[in-house]
């Protein structure tokens, strides 16, 4: 046999025999992998899902409790005082005789009374 033929046979043998060894002892369902999956799901819940739900609930309460005279900050960074509230919209006075109509969703936070005058 030539050297090329031997190396070809060796390559063929390793290609066919190695997977057979790997398949000879199939791994059963691992308890460690399952535990790690459950731990990762718990971590995702407490660090990602739960805080987002809490923020959404707080924002919903904020939108429901908006009233005339509240000083607010919009998501665009505009400071103003609410002059009118409807079901879906608020009218915010941002300067003397300058009012804008916004969706309630765009209100980011309410400010303590007197904040706008102190700025």
C-alpha atoms as a PDB file:
ATOM      1  CA  UNK A   1       0.000   0.000   0.000  1.00  0.00           C
ATOM      2  CA  UNK A   2       1.176   3.434  -0.741  1.00  0.00           C
ATOM      3  CA  UNK A   3       1.356   6.237   1.769  1.00  0.00           C
ATOM      4  CA  UNK A   4      -1.499   8.100   0.078  1.00  0.00           C
ATOM      5  CA  UNK A   5      -3.730   5.029   0.316  1.00  0.00           C
ATOM      6  CA  UNK A   6      -2.901   4.539   4.017  1.00  0.00           C
ATOM      7  CA  UNK A   7      -3.639   8.158   4.868  1.00  0.00           C
ATOM      8  CA  UNK A   8      -6.926   7.939   2.942  1.00  0.00           C
ATOM      9  CA  UNK A   9      -7.907   4.790   4.880  1.00  0.00           C
ATOM     10  CA  UNK A  10      -6.926   6.439   8.172  1.00  0.00           C
ATOM     11  CA  UNK A  11      -8.993   9.510   7.332  1.00  0.00           C
ATOM     12  CA  UNK A  12     -11.965   7.352   6.335  1.00  0.00           C
ATOM     13  CA  UNK A  13     -11.648   5.283   9.504  1.00  0.00           C
ATOM     14  CA  UNK A  14     -11.601   8.344  11.761  1.00  0.00           C
ATOM     15  CA  UNK A  15     -14.562   9.833   9.920  1.00  0.00           C
ATOM     16  CA  UNK A  16     -16.639   6.675  10.341  1.00  0.00           C
ATOM     17  CA  UNK A  17     -15.483   5.375  13.701  1.00  0.00           C
ATOM     18  CA  UNK A  18     -15.356   8.596  15.761  1.00  0.00           C
ATOM     19  CA  UNK A  19     -19.073   9.361  15.464  1.00  0.00           C
ATOM     20  CA  UNK A  20     -19.834   5.767  16.393  1.00  0.00           C
ATOM     21  CA  UNK A  21     -17.989   6.208  19.693  1.00  0.00           C
ATOM     22  CA  UNK A  22     -19.834   9.432  20.341  1.00  0.00           C
ATOM     23  CA  UNK A  23     -23.167   7.770  19.677  1.00  0.00           C
ATOM     24  CA  UNK A  24     -22.415   4.676  21.730  1.00  0.00           C
ATOM     25  CA  UNK A  25     -23.308   6.373  25.023  1.00  0.00           C
ATOM     26  CA  UNK A  26     -26.212   8.745  24.394  1.00  0.00           C
ATOM     27  CA  UNK A  27     -26.709  11.297  27.103  1.00  0.00           C
ATOM     28  CA  UNK A  28     -30.060  11.197  28.813  1.00  0.00           C
ATOM     29  CA  UNK A  29     -32.002  14.287  29.744  1.00  0.00           C
ATOM     30  CA  UNK A  30     -29.594  16.166  31.968  1.00  0.00           C
ATOM     31  CA  UNK A  31     -30.847  17.514  35.235  1.00  0.00           C
ATOM     32  CA  UNK A  32     -28.173  20.199  35.308  1.00  0.00           C
ATOM     33  CA  UNK A  33     -29.262  21.661  31.971  1.00  0.00           C
ATOM     34  CA  UNK A  34     -32.879  21.724  33.093  1.00  0.00           C
ATOM     35  CA  UNK A  35     -31.980  23.424  36.374  1.00  0.00           C
ATOM     36  CA  UNK A  36     -29.877  26.032  34.537  1.00  0.00           C
ATOM     37  CA  UNK A  37     -32.772  26.723  32.151  1.00  0.00           C
ATOM     38  CA  UNK A  38     -35.154  27.267  35.062  1.00  0.00           C
ATOM     39  CA  UNK A  39     -32.630  29.527  36.827  1.00  0.00           C
ATOM     40  CA  UNK A  40     -32.215  31.631  33.664  1.00  0.00           C
ATOM     41  CA  UNK A  41     -35.998  31.980  33.321  1.00  0.00           C
ATOM     42  CA  UNK A  42     -36.272  33.142  36.945  1.00  0.00           C
ATOM     43  CA  UNK A  43     -33.445  35.652  36.424  1.00  0.00           C
ATOM     44  CA  UNK A  44     -35.123  37.034  33.288  1.00  0.00           C
ATOM     45  CA  UNK A  45     -38.407  37.358  35.144  1.00  0.00           C
ATOM     46  CA  UNK A  46     -36.994  39.254  38.119  1.00  0.00           C
ATOM     47  CA  UNK A  47     -34.545  41.462  36.203  1.00  0.00           C
ATOM     48  CA  UNK A  48     -36.452  42.184  32.970  1.00  0.00           C
ATOM     49  CA  UNK A  49     -40.130  41.289  32.939  1.00  0.00           C
ATOM     50  CA  UNK A  50     -41.239  42.243  36.458  1.00  0.00           C
ATOM     51  CA  UNK A  51     -39.642  45.745  36.496  1.00  0.00           C
ATOM     52  CA  UNK A  52     -41.148  46.518  33.084  1.00  0.00           C
ATOM     53  CA  UNK A  53     -44.611  45.488  34.285  1.00  0.00           C
ATOM     54  CA  UNK A  54     -44.168  47.659  37.378  1.00  0.00           C
ATOM     55  CA  UNK A  55     -43.190  50.704  35.282  1.00  0.00           C
ATOM     56  CA  UNK A  56     -46.145  50.150  32.943  1.00  0.00           C
ATOM     57  CA  UNK A  57     -48.541  49.960  35.901  1.00  0.00           C
ATOM     58  CA  UNK A  58     -47.107  53.178  37.416  1.00  0.00           C
ATOM     59  CA  UNK A  59     -47.409  55.003  34.069  1.00  0.00           C
ATOM     60  CA  UNK A  60     -51.012  53.849  33.672  1.00  0.00           C
ATOM     61  CA  UNK A  61     -51.832  55.192  37.150  1.00  0.00           C
ATOM     62  CA  UNK A  62     -50.072  58.463  36.270  1.00  0.00           C
ATOM     63  CA  UNK A  63     -52.179  58.891  33.120  1.00  0.00           C
ATOM     64  CA  UNK A  64     -55.422  58.158  34.991  1.00  0.00           C
ATOM     65  CA  UNK A  65     -54.619  60.673  37.757  1.00  0.00           C
ATOM     66  CA  UNK A  66     -53.749  63.645  35.521  1.00  0.00           C
ATOM     67  CA  UNK A  67     -55.793  66.715  36.386  1.00  0.00           C
ATOM     68  CA  UNK A  68     -56.006  70.391  35.514  1.00  0.00           C
ATOM     69  CA  UNK A  69     -53.204  72.401  37.137  1.00  0.00           C
ATOM     70  CA  UNK A  70     -50.657  69.551  37.280  1.00  0.00           C
ATOM     71  CA  UNK A  71     -47.157  70.444  36.156  1.00  0.00           C
ATOM     72  CA  UNK A  72     -45.784  67.771  33.843  1.00  0.00           C
ATOM     73  CA  UNK A  73     -42.803  66.747  31.727  1.00  0.00           C
ATOM     74  CA  UNK A  74     -43.501  65.181  28.341  1.00  0.00           C
ATOM     75  CA  UNK A  75     -41.480  62.421  26.722  1.00  0.00           C
ATOM     76  CA  UNK A  76     -39.954  65.101  24.496  1.00  0.00           C
ATOM     77  CA  UNK A  77     -38.719  67.054  27.524  1.00  0.00           C
ATOM     78  CA  UNK A  78     -41.295  69.854  27.381  1.00  0.00           C
ATOM     79  CA  UNK A  79     -42.321  71.326  30.754  1.00  0.00           C
ATOM     80  CA  UNK A  80     -45.821  72.688  31.145  1.00  0.00           C
ATOM     81  CA  UNK A  81     -49.011  73.017  33.142  1.00  0.00           C
ATOM     82  CA  UNK A  82     -52.119  71.036  32.209  1.00  0.00           C
ATOM     83  CA  UNK A  83     -55.061  73.298  31.330  1.00  0.00           C
ATOM     84  CA  UNK A  84     -57.526  70.699  30.013  1.00  0.00           C
ATOM     85  CA  UNK A  85     -57.871  66.926  30.298  1.00  0.00           C
ATOM     86  CA  UNK A  86     -59.964  64.660  28.047  1.00  0.00           C
ATOM     87  CA  UNK A  87     -60.102  60.887  27.748  1.00  0.00           C
ATOM     88  CA  UNK A  88     -57.089  60.523  25.433  1.00  0.00           C
ATOM     89  CA  UNK A  89     -55.554  64.001  25.263  1.00  0.00           C
ATOM     90  CA  UNK A  90     -54.295  66.792  27.514  1.00  0.00           C
ATOM     91  CA  UNK A  91     -53.772  70.453  26.702  1.00  0.00           C
ATOM     92  CA  UNK A  92     -50.509  71.725  28.182  1.00  0.00           C
ATOM     93  CA  UNK A  93     -49.618  75.396  28.548  1.00  0.00           C
ATOM     94  CA  UNK A  94     -45.885  75.706  27.932  1.00  0.00           C
ATOM     95  CA  UNK A  95     -45.697  79.500  27.918  1.00  0.00           C
ATOM     96  CA  UNK A  96     -48.072  82.456  28.301  1.00  0.00           C
ATOM     97  CA  UNK A  97     -50.862  81.995  25.738  1.00  0.00           C
ATOM     98  CA  UNK A  98     -49.068  79.039  24.121  1.00  0.00           C
ATOM     99  CA  UNK A  99     -50.817  75.698  24.500  1.00  0.00           C
ATOM    100  CA  UNK A 100     -50.181  72.354  22.873  1.00  0.00           C
ATOM    101  CA  UNK A 101     -52.440  69.337  22.686  1.00  0.00           C
ATOM    102  CA  UNK A 102     -50.748  66.028  23.523  1.00  0.00           C
ATOM    103  CA  UNK A 103     -51.708  62.418  23.935  1.00  0.00           C
ATOM    104  CA  UNK A 104     -51.799  61.316  27.557  1.00  0.00           C
ATOM    105  CA  UNK A 105     -49.185  58.650  26.737  1.00  0.00           C
ATOM    106  CA  UNK A 106     -46.623  61.361  26.025  1.00  0.00           C
ATOM    107  CA  UNK A 107     -46.740  62.651  29.605  1.00  0.00           C
ATOM    108  CA  UNK A 108     -43.654  61.196  31.254  1.00  0.00           C
ATOM    109  CA  UNK A 109     -43.925  62.483  34.833  1.00  0.00           C
ATOM    110  CA  UNK A 110     -45.672  64.978  37.058  1.00  0.00           C
ATOM    111  CA  UNK A 111     -43.666  67.633  38.882  1.00  0.00           C
ATOM    112  CA  UNK A 112     -44.182  69.174  42.316  1.00  0.00           C
ATOM    113  CA  UNK A 113     -46.231  72.399  42.299  1.00  0.00           C
ATOM    114  CA  UNK A 114     -44.122  75.486  41.637  1.00  0.00           C
ATOM    115  CA  UNK A 115     -41.338  73.694  39.765  1.00  0.00           C
ATOM    116  CA  UNK A 116     -41.867  75.589  36.530  1.00  0.00           C
ATOM    117  CA  UNK A 117     -41.753  79.005  38.251  1.00  0.00           C
ATOM    118  CA  UNK A 118     -38.532  78.102  40.043  1.00  0.00           C
ATOM    119  CA  UNK A 119     -36.734  77.226  36.799  1.00  0.00           C
END
